[in-house]
Amino acid sequence: MPIVAKKNTEVGILGIWKLSESSTELMSKFNFSEKENEEFRRNKAEKRKTEYLATRLLLQDLLNEKTEIQYYKTGKPFLENTNKNLSISHSSDFVVVLLSENKIGVDVENTERNMDKIALRFLHEKEFKHIQNLEYPKTATVLYWSAKEAIFKCTNEQNILFNEQITILPFEIKKEGHFFGTFTFNSSIINYKLWYFFYEKNVTVYCIEKENKKS
């Protein structure tokens, strides 16, 4: 199996699967339930099929047992009959799954993704100016996007304005590390600690919700 990493992080267990096999190859390794078979058949694109199977095979490996992924109406995934929270992400190269007893979010992105045209849709003006002064602004832009995606997945809210409600506090970008962010919703400011690492032209960011303060 192309599982390239399994690590016990500060918030839970994280697994990474490289998307190097075809859906036909992955199908031979997966035992479909009736519901899963119906879900899988609805995927028409080959990439969607491989993501579907790789996600569930990776989850099965992390849990040491097979379990079905359920979804809230918002599209957020969860597992029944367990105290573990689930977060999932895909890039063009990898599937990442994070399991934790805490509220978490994870995102993986290819660092070569061009985000110039949409940067100001998800970056606050201060964040944009800060990024332009960094040594590698294009990589930083992808990292900030991934961070905001991770925070978004950690919330239970929809229709969030990334450039207004989610803020990433300035930090020095290294090969791996941690930083902080906030999500402003109604009268609350929710704080997050985020961790990141780079691997094969991809960056993975995961986060945990911290204390809630009234503004």
N, C-alpha and C. Protein backbone atom coordinates (compact mmCIF):
# COMPACT_ATOMS: atom_id res chain seq x y z
N MET A 1 0.84 -1.20 0.00
CA MET A 1 0.00 0.00 0.00
C MET A 1 0.88 1.26 0.00
N PRO A 2 0.49 2.28 -0.75
CA PRO A 2 1.30 3.50 -0.79
C PRO A 2 1.03 4.45 0.36
N ILE A 3 1.02 3.93 1.59
CA ILE A 3 0.95 4.79 2.76
C ILE A 3 2.37 5.31 2.99
N VAL A 4 2.55 6.61 2.86
CA VAL A 4 3.90 7.15 2.96
C VAL A 4 4.23 7.65 4.36
N ALA A 5 3.20 7.84 5.19
CA ALA A 5 3.47 8.31 6.55
C ALA A 5 2.29 8.03 7.47
N LYS A 6 2.61 7.62 8.68
CA LYS A 6 1.65 7.55 9.78
C LYS A 6 2.37 8.15 10.97
N LYS A 7 1.79 9.20 11.55
CA LYS A 7 2.50 9.85 12.66
C LYS A 7 1.52 10.24 13.76
N ASN A 8 1.99 10.10 14.96
CA ASN A 8 1.24 10.57 16.11
C ASN A 8 1.58 12.04 16.31
N THR A 9 0.63 12.90 16.02
CA THR A 9 0.85 14.34 16.11
C THR A 9 0.44 14.85 17.48
N GLU A 10 0.54 16.15 17.64
CA GLU A 10 0.15 16.80 18.89
C GLU A 10 -1.35 16.71 19.13
N VAL A 11 -2.13 16.42 18.11
CA VAL A 11 -3.58 16.42 18.25
C VAL A 11 -4.22 15.06 17.99
N GLY A 12 -3.48 14.14 17.41
CA GLY A 12 -4.05 12.84 17.07
C GLY A 12 -3.18 12.13 16.05
N ILE A 13 -3.71 11.06 15.47
CA ILE A 13 -2.94 10.29 14.50
C ILE A 13 -3.25 10.76 13.09
N LEU A 14 -2.21 10.94 12.29
CA LEU A 14 -2.34 11.45 10.94
C LEU A 14 -1.72 10.46 9.97
N GLY A 15 -2.42 10.20 8.87
CA GLY A 15 -1.92 9.30 7.84
C GLY A 15 -1.90 9.97 6.49
N ILE A 16 -0.90 9.62 5.66
CA ILE A 16 -0.78 10.16 4.31
C ILE A 16 -0.68 9.01 3.32
N TRP A 17 -1.48 9.08 2.28
CA TRP A 17 -1.52 8.06 1.23
C TRP A 17 -1.18 8.72 -0.10
N LYS A 18 -0.19 8.19 -0.82
CA LYS A 18 0.17 8.73 -2.13
C LYS A 18 -0.75 8.15 -3.20
N LEU A 19 -1.32 9.03 -4.01
CA LEU A 19 -2.25 8.62 -5.05
C LEU A 19 -1.48 8.14 -6.28
N SER A 20 -0.99 6.92 -6.20
CA SER A 20 -0.16 6.37 -7.27
C SER A 20 -0.78 5.15 -7.94
N GLU A 21 -1.91 4.67 -7.41
CA GLU A 21 -2.57 3.49 -7.95
C GLU A 21 -3.87 3.87 -8.65
N SER A 22 -4.31 3.03 -9.56
CA SER A 22 -5.58 3.25 -10.25
C SER A 22 -6.72 2.82 -9.35
N SER A 23 -7.93 3.25 -9.69
CA SER A 23 -9.10 2.84 -8.92
C SER A 23 -9.31 1.32 -9.03
N THR A 24 -8.97 0.76 -10.17
CA THR A 24 -9.11 -0.69 -10.35
C THR A 24 -8.21 -1.44 -9.38
N GLU A 25 -6.97 -0.97 -9.22
CA GLU A 25 -6.04 -1.60 -8.28
C GLU A 25 -6.56 -1.47 -6.85
N LEU A 26 -7.08 -0.30 -6.50
CA LEU A 26 -7.55 -0.07 -5.14
C LEU A 26 -8.83 -0.86 -4.85
N MET A 27 -9.67 -1.04 -5.85
CA MET A 27 -10.91 -1.78 -5.66
C MET A 27 -10.65 -3.21 -5.20
N SER A 28 -9.56 -3.79 -5.66
CA SER A 28 -9.24 -5.17 -5.29
C SER A 28 -8.84 -5.30 -3.82
N LYS A 29 -8.55 -4.17 -3.17
CA LYS A 29 -8.13 -4.18 -1.77
C LYS A 29 -9.24 -3.77 -0.80
N PHE A 30 -10.38 -3.34 -1.37
CA PHE A 30 -11.43 -2.76 -0.53
C PHE A 30 -12.68 -3.61 -0.53
N ASN A 31 -13.24 -3.82 0.65
CA ASN A 31 -14.46 -4.60 0.81
C ASN A 31 -15.65 -3.64 0.93
N PHE A 32 -16.39 -3.48 -0.16
CA PHE A 32 -17.48 -2.52 -0.20
C PHE A 32 -18.70 -3.00 0.59
N SER A 33 -19.31 -2.07 1.32
CA SER A 33 -20.67 -2.31 1.80
C SER A 33 -21.61 -1.88 0.67
N GLU A 34 -22.89 -2.17 0.81
CA GLU A 34 -23.85 -1.76 -0.23
C GLU A 34 -23.88 -0.25 -0.37
N LYS A 35 -23.87 0.44 0.77
CA LYS A 35 -23.89 1.91 0.75
C LYS A 35 -22.63 2.46 0.08
N GLU A 36 -21.49 1.92 0.43
CA GLU A 36 -20.23 2.40 -0.15
C GLU A 36 -20.17 2.12 -1.65
N ASN A 37 -20.69 0.99 -2.06
CA ASN A 37 -20.70 0.67 -3.48
C ASN A 37 -21.54 1.68 -4.26
N GLU A 38 -22.68 2.07 -3.69
CA GLU A 38 -23.54 3.07 -4.33
C GLU A 38 -22.84 4.42 -4.40
N GLU A 39 -22.19 4.79 -3.29
CA GLU A 39 -21.46 6.06 -3.28
C GLU A 39 -20.34 6.06 -4.31
N PHE A 40 -19.59 4.98 -4.34
CA PHE A 40 -18.45 4.89 -5.25
C PHE A 40 -18.90 4.98 -6.70
N ARG A 41 -19.99 4.32 -7.05
CA ARG A 41 -20.46 4.31 -8.44
C ARG A 41 -20.92 5.68 -8.91
N ARG A 42 -21.23 6.55 -7.96
CA ARG A 42 -21.66 7.90 -8.34
C ARG A 42 -20.48 8.77 -8.79
N ASN A 43 -19.27 8.33 -8.46
CA ASN A 43 -18.08 9.06 -8.90
C ASN A 43 -17.75 8.69 -10.34
N LYS A 44 -17.71 9.67 -11.20
CA LYS A 44 -17.42 9.42 -12.62
C LYS A 44 -15.95 9.61 -12.96
N ALA A 45 -15.32 10.60 -12.35
CA ALA A 45 -13.92 10.90 -12.66
C ALA A 45 -13.00 9.90 -11.97
N GLU A 46 -11.95 9.50 -12.66
CA GLU A 46 -11.00 8.54 -12.12
C GLU A 46 -10.36 9.05 -10.83
N LYS A 47 -10.00 10.34 -10.78
CA LYS A 47 -9.37 10.87 -9.58
C LYS A 47 -10.30 10.79 -8.37
N ARG A 48 -11.58 11.08 -8.58
CA ARG A 48 -12.54 11.00 -7.49
C ARG A 48 -12.67 9.56 -6.98
N LYS A 49 -12.61 8.61 -7.90
CA LYS A 49 -12.68 7.20 -7.51
C LYS A 49 -11.47 6.80 -6.67
N THR A 50 -10.28 7.20 -7.10
CA THR A 50 -9.08 6.82 -6.34
C THR A 50 -9.06 7.52 -4.98
N GLU A 51 -9.52 8.77 -4.93
CA GLU A 51 -9.58 9.48 -3.64
C GLU A 51 -10.54 8.78 -2.69
N TYR A 52 -11.69 8.39 -3.20
CA TYR A 52 -12.70 7.71 -2.38
C TYR A 52 -12.11 6.45 -1.75
N LEU A 53 -11.48 5.63 -2.56
CA LEU A 53 -10.96 4.35 -2.07
C LEU A 53 -9.73 4.55 -1.18
N ALA A 54 -8.82 5.42 -1.59
CA ALA A 54 -7.60 5.64 -0.80
C ALA A 54 -7.94 6.19 0.58
N THR A 55 -8.92 7.08 0.65
CA THR A 55 -9.34 7.64 1.94
C THR A 55 -9.81 6.54 2.88
N ARG A 56 -10.62 5.64 2.39
CA ARG A 56 -11.19 4.59 3.24
C ARG A 56 -10.18 3.49 3.57
N LEU A 57 -9.29 3.21 2.66
CA LEU A 57 -8.23 2.24 2.97
C LEU A 57 -7.25 2.81 3.99
N LEU A 58 -6.95 4.09 3.88
CA LEU A 58 -6.07 4.73 4.86
C LEU A 58 -6.73 4.78 6.22
N LEU A 59 -8.01 5.16 6.27
CA LEU A 59 -8.74 5.19 7.54
C LEU A 59 -8.78 3.81 8.17
N GLN A 60 -9.00 2.80 7.37
CA GLN A 60 -9.03 1.42 7.87
C GLN A 60 -7.70 1.04 8.50
N ASP A 61 -6.61 1.46 7.88
CA ASP A 61 -5.28 1.16 8.42
C ASP A 61 -5.04 1.90 9.73
N LEU A 62 -5.47 3.15 9.81
CA LEU A 62 -5.25 3.94 11.03
C LEU A 62 -6.05 3.38 12.21
N LEU A 63 -7.25 2.87 11.93
CA LEU A 63 -8.13 2.36 12.99
C LEU A 63 -7.92 0.87 13.27
N ASN A 64 -7.23 0.20 12.37
CA ASN A 64 -7.06 -1.26 12.45
C ASN A 64 -8.40 -1.99 12.36
N GLU A 65 -9.36 -1.37 11.73
CA GLU A 65 -10.66 -1.99 11.48
C GLU A 65 -11.39 -1.17 10.42
N LYS A 66 -12.34 -1.80 9.76
CA LYS A 66 -13.11 -1.10 8.74
C LYS A 66 -14.31 -0.41 9.38
N THR A 67 -14.52 0.83 9.00
CA THR A 67 -15.68 1.57 9.45
C THR A 67 -16.13 2.48 8.33
N GLU A 68 -17.40 2.82 8.30
CA GLU A 68 -17.93 3.64 7.23
C GLU A 68 -17.92 5.12 7.61
N ILE A 69 -17.60 5.95 6.65
CA ILE A 69 -17.61 7.39 6.85
C ILE A 69 -19.03 7.91 6.63
N GLN A 70 -19.51 8.69 7.58
CA GLN A 70 -20.81 9.34 7.48
C GLN A 70 -20.58 10.83 7.22
N TYR A 71 -21.64 11.52 6.79
CA TYR A 71 -21.52 12.95 6.50
C TYR A 71 -22.69 13.72 7.09
N TYR A 72 -22.37 14.87 7.71
CA TYR A 72 -23.41 15.80 8.12
C TYR A 72 -23.99 16.48 6.89
N LYS A 73 -25.09 17.19 7.06
CA LYS A 73 -25.69 17.90 5.94
C LYS A 73 -24.75 18.95 5.37
N THR A 74 -23.84 19.44 6.18
CA THR A 74 -22.86 20.43 5.73
C THR A 74 -21.77 19.81 4.86
N GLY A 75 -21.71 18.48 4.82
CA GLY A 75 -20.66 17.79 4.07
C GLY A 75 -19.48 17.38 4.92
N LYS A 76 -19.50 17.75 6.20
CA LYS A 76 -18.40 17.41 7.09
C LYS A 76 -18.46 15.92 7.45
N PRO A 77 -17.34 15.19 7.34
CA PRO A 77 -17.35 13.75 7.62
C PRO A 77 -17.30 13.45 9.12
N PHE A 78 -17.87 12.32 9.51
CA PHE A 78 -17.76 11.88 10.90
C PHE A 78 -17.87 10.37 10.96
N LEU A 79 -17.51 9.81 12.11
CA LEU A 79 -17.60 8.37 12.35
C LEU A 79 -18.60 8.14 13.46
N GLU A 80 -19.46 7.15 13.29
CA GLU A 80 -20.45 6.82 14.31
C GLU A 80 -19.84 5.94 15.39
N ASN A 81 -20.44 6.01 16.59
CA ASN A 81 -20.09 5.12 17.71
C ASN A 81 -18.62 5.19 18.08
N THR A 82 -18.06 6.38 18.10
CA THR A 82 -16.68 6.57 18.50
C THR A 82 -16.51 7.98 19.04
N ASN A 83 -15.49 8.18 19.88
CA ASN A 83 -15.20 9.52 20.39
C ASN A 83 -14.16 10.23 19.52
N LYS A 84 -13.81 9.62 18.39
CA LYS A 84 -12.79 10.21 17.52
C LYS A 84 -13.44 11.10 16.45
N ASN A 85 -12.89 12.30 16.31
CA ASN A 85 -13.28 13.20 15.23
C ASN A 85 -12.42 12.93 14.01
N LEU A 86 -12.98 13.20 12.84
CA LEU A 86 -12.34 12.86 11.58
C LEU A 86 -12.24 14.10 10.69
N SER A 87 -11.08 14.27 10.07
CA SER A 87 -10.91 15.30 9.05
C SER A 87 -10.14 14.69 7.88
N ILE A 88 -10.52 15.08 6.66
CA ILE A 88 -9.98 14.48 5.44
C ILE A 88 -9.60 15.58 4.46
N SER A 89 -8.52 15.36 3.71
CA SER A 89 -8.16 16.30 2.66
C SER A 89 -7.49 15.55 1.51
N HIS A 90 -7.60 16.14 0.30
CA HIS A 90 -6.94 15.59 -0.88
C HIS A 90 -6.20 16.71 -1.61
N SER A 91 -5.07 16.36 -2.17
CA SER A 91 -4.41 17.24 -3.14
C SER A 91 -4.29 16.46 -4.43
N SER A 92 -3.56 16.98 -5.41
CA SER A 92 -3.37 16.25 -6.65
C SER A 92 -2.51 15.01 -6.44
N ASP A 93 -1.79 14.96 -5.32
CA ASP A 93 -0.83 13.88 -5.09
C ASP A 93 -1.16 12.96 -3.91
N PHE A 94 -1.85 13.50 -2.90
CA PHE A 94 -2.00 12.76 -1.65
C PHE A 94 -3.43 12.83 -1.10
N VAL A 95 -3.72 11.84 -0.25
CA VAL A 95 -4.88 11.88 0.64
C VAL A 95 -4.34 11.94 2.06
N VAL A 96 -4.92 12.80 2.88
CA VAL A 96 -4.52 12.91 4.28
C VAL A 96 -5.75 12.71 5.16
N VAL A 97 -5.59 11.89 6.19
CA VAL A 97 -6.66 11.63 7.16
C VAL A 97 -6.12 11.92 8.56
N LEU A 98 -6.90 12.65 9.35
CA LEU A 98 -6.53 12.98 10.72
C LEU A 98 -7.63 12.52 11.67
N LEU A 99 -7.26 11.82 12.73
CA LEU A 99 -8.19 11.34 13.75
C LEU A 99 -7.79 11.90 15.10
N SER A 100 -8.78 12.37 15.86
CA SER A 100 -8.47 12.97 17.16
C SER A 100 -9.72 12.98 18.03
N GLU A 101 -9.52 13.00 19.34
CA GLU A 101 -10.62 13.17 20.27
C GLU A 101 -11.01 14.65 20.40
N ASN A 102 -10.19 15.53 19.83
CA ASN A 102 -10.44 16.97 19.87
C ASN A 102 -11.08 17.44 18.58
N LYS A 103 -11.54 18.69 18.58
CA LYS A 103 -12.04 19.30 17.35
C LYS A 103 -10.84 19.65 16.48
N ILE A 104 -10.80 19.10 15.26
CA ILE A 104 -9.61 19.25 14.43
C ILE A 104 -10.01 19.55 12.98
N GLY A 105 -9.02 19.97 12.22
CA GLY A 105 -9.18 20.16 10.78
C GLY A 105 -7.84 19.92 10.12
N VAL A 106 -7.86 19.42 8.89
CA VAL A 106 -6.61 19.16 8.17
C VAL A 106 -6.79 19.54 6.71
N ASP A 107 -5.71 20.00 6.10
CA ASP A 107 -5.74 20.30 4.67
C ASP A 107 -4.37 20.04 4.07
N VAL A 108 -4.35 19.53 2.84
CA VAL A 108 -3.11 19.31 2.11
C VAL A 108 -3.24 19.99 0.75
N GLU A 109 -2.21 20.67 0.32
CA GLU A 109 -2.21 21.38 -0.96
C GLU A 109 -0.87 21.22 -1.66
N ASN A 110 -0.90 21.20 -2.98
CA ASN A 110 0.32 21.21 -3.77
C ASN A 110 0.88 22.63 -3.77
N THR A 111 2.13 22.79 -3.39
CA THR A 111 2.72 24.12 -3.25
C THR A 111 2.96 24.81 -4.59
N GLU A 112 2.82 24.07 -5.68
CA GLU A 112 2.98 24.69 -7.00
C GLU A 112 1.64 25.20 -7.56
N ARG A 113 0.59 25.04 -6.79
CA ARG A 113 -0.71 25.55 -7.22
C ARG A 113 -0.68 27.06 -7.33
N ASN A 114 -1.15 27.58 -8.45
CA ASN A 114 -1.16 29.02 -8.68
C ASN A 114 -2.42 29.63 -8.08
N MET A 115 -2.24 30.50 -7.08
CA MET A 115 -3.38 31.09 -6.39
C MET A 115 -3.41 32.60 -6.54
N ASP A 116 -2.65 33.13 -7.51
CA ASP A 116 -2.55 34.58 -7.67
C ASP A 116 -3.91 35.23 -7.90
N LYS A 117 -4.76 34.60 -8.71
CA LYS A 117 -6.02 35.22 -9.09
C LYS A 117 -7.06 35.24 -7.96
N ILE A 118 -6.89 34.36 -6.99
CA ILE A 118 -7.88 34.29 -5.91
C ILE A 118 -7.33 34.71 -4.55
N ALA A 119 -6.07 35.12 -4.51
CA ALA A 119 -5.42 35.40 -3.23
C ALA A 119 -6.20 36.39 -2.37
N LEU A 120 -6.66 37.47 -2.97
CA LEU A 120 -7.36 38.50 -2.19
C LEU A 120 -8.78 38.09 -1.81
N ARG A 121 -9.24 36.97 -2.32
CA ARG A 121 -10.55 36.47 -1.90
C ARG A 121 -10.47 35.76 -0.55
N PHE A 122 -9.29 35.26 -0.21
CA PHE A 122 -9.18 34.56 1.07
C PHE A 122 -8.15 35.18 2.01
N LEU A 123 -7.35 36.11 1.52
CA LEU A 123 -6.36 36.78 2.36
C LEU A 123 -6.86 38.17 2.75
N HIS A 124 -6.69 38.50 4.03
CA HIS A 124 -6.92 39.88 4.45
C HIS A 124 -5.80 40.73 3.86
N GLU A 125 -6.07 42.01 3.67
CA GLU A 125 -5.07 42.91 3.07
C GLU A 125 -3.76 42.89 3.84
N LYS A 126 -3.83 42.83 5.17
CA LYS A 126 -2.60 42.79 5.98
C LYS A 126 -1.84 41.49 5.76
N GLU A 127 -2.57 40.38 5.63
CA GLU A 127 -1.93 39.09 5.36
C GLU A 127 -1.25 39.11 3.99
N PHE A 128 -1.95 39.68 3.01
CA PHE A 128 -1.41 39.75 1.65
C PHE A 128 -0.10 40.55 1.63
N LYS A 129 -0.09 41.70 2.30
CA LYS A 129 1.11 42.54 2.34
C LYS A 129 2.26 41.82 3.06
N HIS A 130 1.93 41.12 4.15
CA HIS A 130 2.95 40.38 4.88
C HIS A 130 3.57 39.29 4.00
N ILE A 131 2.74 38.58 3.27
CA ILE A 131 3.21 37.49 2.42
C ILE A 131 4.12 38.01 1.31
N GLN A 132 3.78 39.18 0.74
CA GLN A 132 4.59 39.73 -0.36
C GLN A 132 6.00 40.08 0.08
N ASN A 133 6.21 40.26 1.37
CA ASN A 133 7.55 40.59 1.88
C ASN A 133 8.35 39.36 2.28
N LEU A 134 7.75 38.17 2.13
CA LEU A 134 8.46 36.95 2.48
C LEU A 134 9.33 36.48 1.32
N GLU A 135 10.25 35.57 1.62
CA GLU A 135 11.20 35.10 0.60
C GLU A 135 10.50 34.30 -0.50
N TYR A 136 9.49 33.51 -0.12
CA TYR A 136 8.78 32.69 -1.10
C TYR A 136 7.27 32.97 -0.98
N PRO A 137 6.81 34.08 -1.57
CA PRO A 137 5.41 34.48 -1.40
C PRO A 137 4.41 33.49 -1.99
N LYS A 138 4.73 32.82 -3.10
CA LYS A 138 3.79 31.87 -3.71
C LYS A 138 3.56 30.67 -2.80
N THR A 139 4.64 30.15 -2.21
CA THR A 139 4.51 29.04 -1.27
C THR A 139 3.74 29.48 -0.03
N ALA A 140 4.02 30.68 0.45
CA ALA A 140 3.33 31.21 1.63
C ALA A 140 1.84 31.37 1.36
N THR A 141 1.49 31.79 0.16
CA THR A 141 0.08 31.96 -0.19
C THR A 141 -0.67 30.64 -0.12
N VAL A 142 -0.04 29.57 -0.64
CA VAL A 142 -0.65 28.24 -0.57
C VAL A 142 -0.76 27.78 0.88
N LEU A 143 0.27 28.04 1.68
CA LEU A 143 0.25 27.66 3.09
C LEU A 143 -0.88 28.37 3.84
N TYR A 144 -1.07 29.65 3.58
CA TYR A 144 -2.15 30.40 4.23
C TYR A 144 -3.52 29.86 3.81
N TRP A 145 -3.66 29.53 2.53
CA TRP A 145 -4.92 28.95 2.06
C TRP A 145 -5.19 27.63 2.79
N SER A 146 -4.17 26.79 2.87
CA SER A 146 -4.32 25.50 3.53
C SER A 146 -4.67 25.67 5.00
N ALA A 147 -4.07 26.66 5.63
CA ALA A 147 -4.36 26.93 7.04
C ALA A 147 -5.81 27.35 7.23
N LYS A 148 -6.29 28.21 6.36
CA LYS A 148 -7.67 28.68 6.48
C LYS A 148 -8.66 27.56 6.17
N GLU A 149 -8.30 26.68 5.24
CA GLU A 149 -9.12 25.51 4.96
C GLU A 149 -9.20 24.60 6.18
N ALA A 150 -8.08 24.40 6.85
CA ALA A 150 -8.04 23.55 8.05
C ALA A 150 -8.95 24.13 9.14
N ILE A 151 -8.88 25.45 9.35
CA ILE A 151 -9.72 26.09 10.35
C ILE A 151 -11.19 25.97 9.95
N PHE A 152 -11.49 26.20 8.68
CA PHE A 152 -12.87 26.06 8.19
C PHE A 152 -13.41 24.67 8.47
N LYS A 153 -12.60 23.64 8.25
CA LYS A 153 -13.04 22.27 8.48
C LYS A 153 -13.23 21.98 9.97
N CYS A 154 -12.55 22.75 10.80
CA CYS A 154 -12.65 22.55 12.25
C CYS A 154 -13.93 23.17 12.81
N THR A 155 -14.50 24.12 12.08
CA THR A 155 -15.72 24.77 12.54
C THR A 155 -16.94 23.96 12.10
N ASN A 156 -18.09 24.35 12.62
CA ASN A 156 -19.36 23.77 12.18
C ASN A 156 -20.16 24.78 11.37
N GLU A 157 -19.48 25.81 10.88
CA GLU A 157 -20.16 26.89 10.18
C GLU A 157 -19.97 26.80 8.67
N GLN A 158 -20.88 27.42 7.94
CA GLN A 158 -20.80 27.49 6.49
C GLN A 158 -20.79 28.96 6.06
N ASN A 159 -20.51 29.18 4.77
CA ASN A 159 -20.53 30.53 4.20
C ASN A 159 -19.61 31.48 4.95
N ILE A 160 -18.44 31.00 5.30
CA ILE A 160 -17.45 31.81 6.00
C ILE A 160 -16.67 32.67 5.01
N LEU A 161 -16.44 33.92 5.37
CA LEU A 161 -15.61 34.82 4.56
C LEU A 161 -14.16 34.65 5.02
N PHE A 162 -13.38 33.92 4.25
CA PHE A 162 -12.01 33.61 4.65
C PHE A 162 -11.17 34.87 4.85
N ASN A 163 -11.38 35.90 4.02
CA ASN A 163 -10.54 37.09 4.10
C ASN A 163 -10.94 38.03 5.23
N GLU A 164 -12.10 37.78 5.84
CA GLU A 164 -12.55 38.63 6.92
C GLU A 164 -12.64 37.91 8.26
N GLN A 165 -13.13 36.67 8.25
CA GLN A 165 -13.40 35.98 9.52
C GLN A 165 -12.27 35.09 10.01
N ILE A 166 -11.41 34.63 9.09
CA ILE A 166 -10.29 33.77 9.50
C ILE A 166 -9.00 34.55 9.34
N THR A 167 -8.27 34.66 10.43
CA THR A 167 -7.01 35.41 10.45
C THR A 167 -5.85 34.51 10.82
N ILE A 168 -4.77 34.60 10.07
CA ILE A 168 -3.54 33.87 10.38
C ILE A 168 -2.54 34.87 10.94
N LEU A 169 -2.03 34.61 12.13
CA LEU A 169 -1.07 35.50 12.75
C LEU A 169 0.30 35.31 12.09
N PRO A 170 1.07 36.38 11.87
CA PRO A 170 2.35 36.27 11.18
C PRO A 170 3.30 35.29 11.88
N PHE A 171 4.06 34.56 11.06
CA PHE A 171 5.03 33.60 11.60
C PHE A 171 6.12 33.38 10.57
N GLU A 172 7.23 32.84 11.02
CA GLU A 172 8.35 32.54 10.13
C GLU A 172 8.16 31.14 9.54
N ILE A 173 8.14 31.05 8.22
CA ILE A 173 7.91 29.78 7.55
C ILE A 173 9.21 28.99 7.43
N LYS A 174 9.18 27.78 7.96
CA LYS A 174 10.32 26.88 7.88
C LYS A 174 9.88 25.58 7.19
N LYS A 175 10.66 24.53 7.29
CA LYS A 175 10.27 23.25 6.69
C LYS A 175 9.08 22.65 7.41
N GLU A 176 9.00 22.90 8.72
CA GLU A 176 7.86 22.50 9.52
C GLU A 176 7.81 23.37 10.75
N GLY A 177 6.64 23.42 11.39
CA GLY A 177 6.53 24.25 12.57
C GLY A 177 5.08 24.44 12.97
N HIS A 178 4.83 25.47 13.76
CA HIS A 178 3.47 25.76 14.18
C HIS A 178 3.23 27.26 14.18
N PHE A 179 1.96 27.64 14.21
CA PHE A 179 1.57 29.04 14.23
C PHE A 179 0.15 29.12 14.79
N PHE A 180 -0.45 30.32 14.76
CA PHE A 180 -1.76 30.50 15.38
C PHE A 180 -2.70 31.26 14.45
N GLY A 181 -3.98 31.03 14.64
CA GLY A 181 -5.00 31.72 13.86
C GLY A 181 -6.26 31.90 14.66
N THR A 182 -7.18 32.69 14.13
CA THR A 182 -8.45 32.94 14.81
C THR A 182 -9.60 32.88 13.81
N PHE A 183 -10.77 32.59 14.35
CA PHE A 183 -12.01 32.63 13.57
C PHE A 183 -12.99 33.50 14.33
N THR A 184 -13.48 34.56 13.70
CA THR A 184 -14.42 35.48 14.32
C THR A 184 -15.83 35.15 13.85
N PHE A 185 -16.71 34.88 14.81
CA PHE A 185 -18.08 34.51 14.47
C PHE A 185 -19.02 35.13 15.50
N ASN A 186 -19.92 36.00 15.03
CA ASN A 186 -20.82 36.74 15.91
C ASN A 186 -20.01 37.47 16.98
N SER A 187 -20.21 37.18 18.24
CA SER A 187 -19.49 37.89 19.30
C SER A 187 -18.30 37.09 19.82
N SER A 188 -17.94 36.02 19.14
CA SER A 188 -16.89 35.14 19.63
C SER A 188 -15.64 35.19 18.76
N ILE A 189 -14.50 35.06 19.41
CA ILE A 189 -13.23 34.86 18.72
C ILE A 189 -12.72 33.49 19.14
N ILE A 190 -12.65 32.57 18.19
CA ILE A 190 -12.19 31.21 18.46
C ILE A 190 -10.73 31.11 18.04
N ASN A 191 -9.91 30.62 18.94
CA ASN A 191 -8.47 30.54 18.70
C ASN A 191 -8.05 29.14 18.29
N TYR A 192 -7.05 29.09 17.41
CA TYR A 192 -6.57 27.81 16.90
C TYR A 192 -5.04 27.77 16.94
N LYS A 193 -4.53 26.59 17.24
CA LYS A 193 -3.11 26.34 17.05
C LYS A 193 -2.99 25.43 15.85
N LEU A 194 -2.07 25.77 14.95
CA LEU A 194 -1.90 25.03 13.71
C LEU A 194 -0.46 24.53 13.58
N TRP A 195 -0.31 23.36 12.99
CA TRP A 195 1.00 22.79 12.69
C TRP A 195 1.08 22.54 11.19
N TYR A 196 2.28 22.55 10.64
CA TYR A 196 2.44 22.33 9.21
C TYR A 196 3.76 21.61 8.93
N PHE A 197 3.81 20.95 7.78
CA PHE A 197 5.06 20.38 7.29
C PHE A 197 4.97 20.24 5.78
N PHE A 198 6.14 20.32 5.14
CA PHE A 198 6.22 20.17 3.69
C PHE A 198 6.71 18.77 3.34
N TYR A 199 6.15 18.21 2.27
CA TYR A 199 6.54 16.87 1.82
C TYR A 199 6.24 16.73 0.33
N GLU A 200 7.26 16.45 -0.46
CA GLU A 200 7.12 16.22 -1.89
C GLU A 200 6.23 17.26 -2.58
N LYS A 201 6.62 18.51 -2.52
CA LYS A 201 5.92 19.62 -3.17
C LYS A 201 4.48 19.78 -2.67
N ASN A 202 4.21 19.32 -1.47
CA ASN A 202 2.92 19.51 -0.84
C ASN A 202 3.12 20.05 0.57
N VAL A 203 2.13 20.78 1.05
CA VAL A 203 2.14 21.22 2.44
C VAL A 203 0.89 20.68 3.12
N THR A 204 1.05 20.15 4.31
CA THR A 204 -0.06 19.68 5.12
C THR A 204 -0.17 20.57 6.35
N VAL A 205 -1.37 21.05 6.61
CA VAL A 205 -1.64 21.87 7.79
C VAL A 205 -2.77 21.22 8.59
N TYR A 206 -2.59 21.12 9.90
CA TYR A 206 -3.67 20.62 10.76
C TYR A 206 -3.79 21.51 11.98
N CYS A 207 -4.99 21.56 12.54
CA CYS A 207 -5.24 22.50 13.63
C CYS A 207 -6.14 21.91 14.70
N ILE A 208 -6.11 22.57 15.84
CA ILE A 208 -6.97 22.22 16.96
C ILE A 208 -7.60 23.50 17.49
N GLU A 209 -8.84 23.40 17.90
CA GLU A 209 -9.53 24.56 18.46
C GLU A 209 -9.09 24.78 19.91
N LYS A 210 -8.79 26.02 20.22
CA LYS A 210 -8.39 26.38 21.59
C LYS A 210 -9.58 27.02 22.31
N GLU A 211 -9.30 27.82 23.34
CA GLU A 211 -10.39 28.39 24.14
C GLU A 211 -11.16 29.43 23.37
N ASN A 212 -12.41 29.62 23.78
CA ASN A 212 -13.30 30.58 23.13
C ASN A 212 -13.40 31.83 24.02
N LYS A 213 -13.14 32.99 23.41
CA LYS A 213 -13.21 34.25 24.16
C LYS A 213 -14.28 35.16 23.57
N LYS A 214 -14.98 35.83 24.45
CA LYS A 214 -15.94 36.85 24.00
C LYS A 214 -15.21 38.13 23.66
N SER A 215 -15.55 38.70 22.51
CA SER A 215 -14.90 39.93 22.10
C SER A 215 -15.63 41.15 22.68
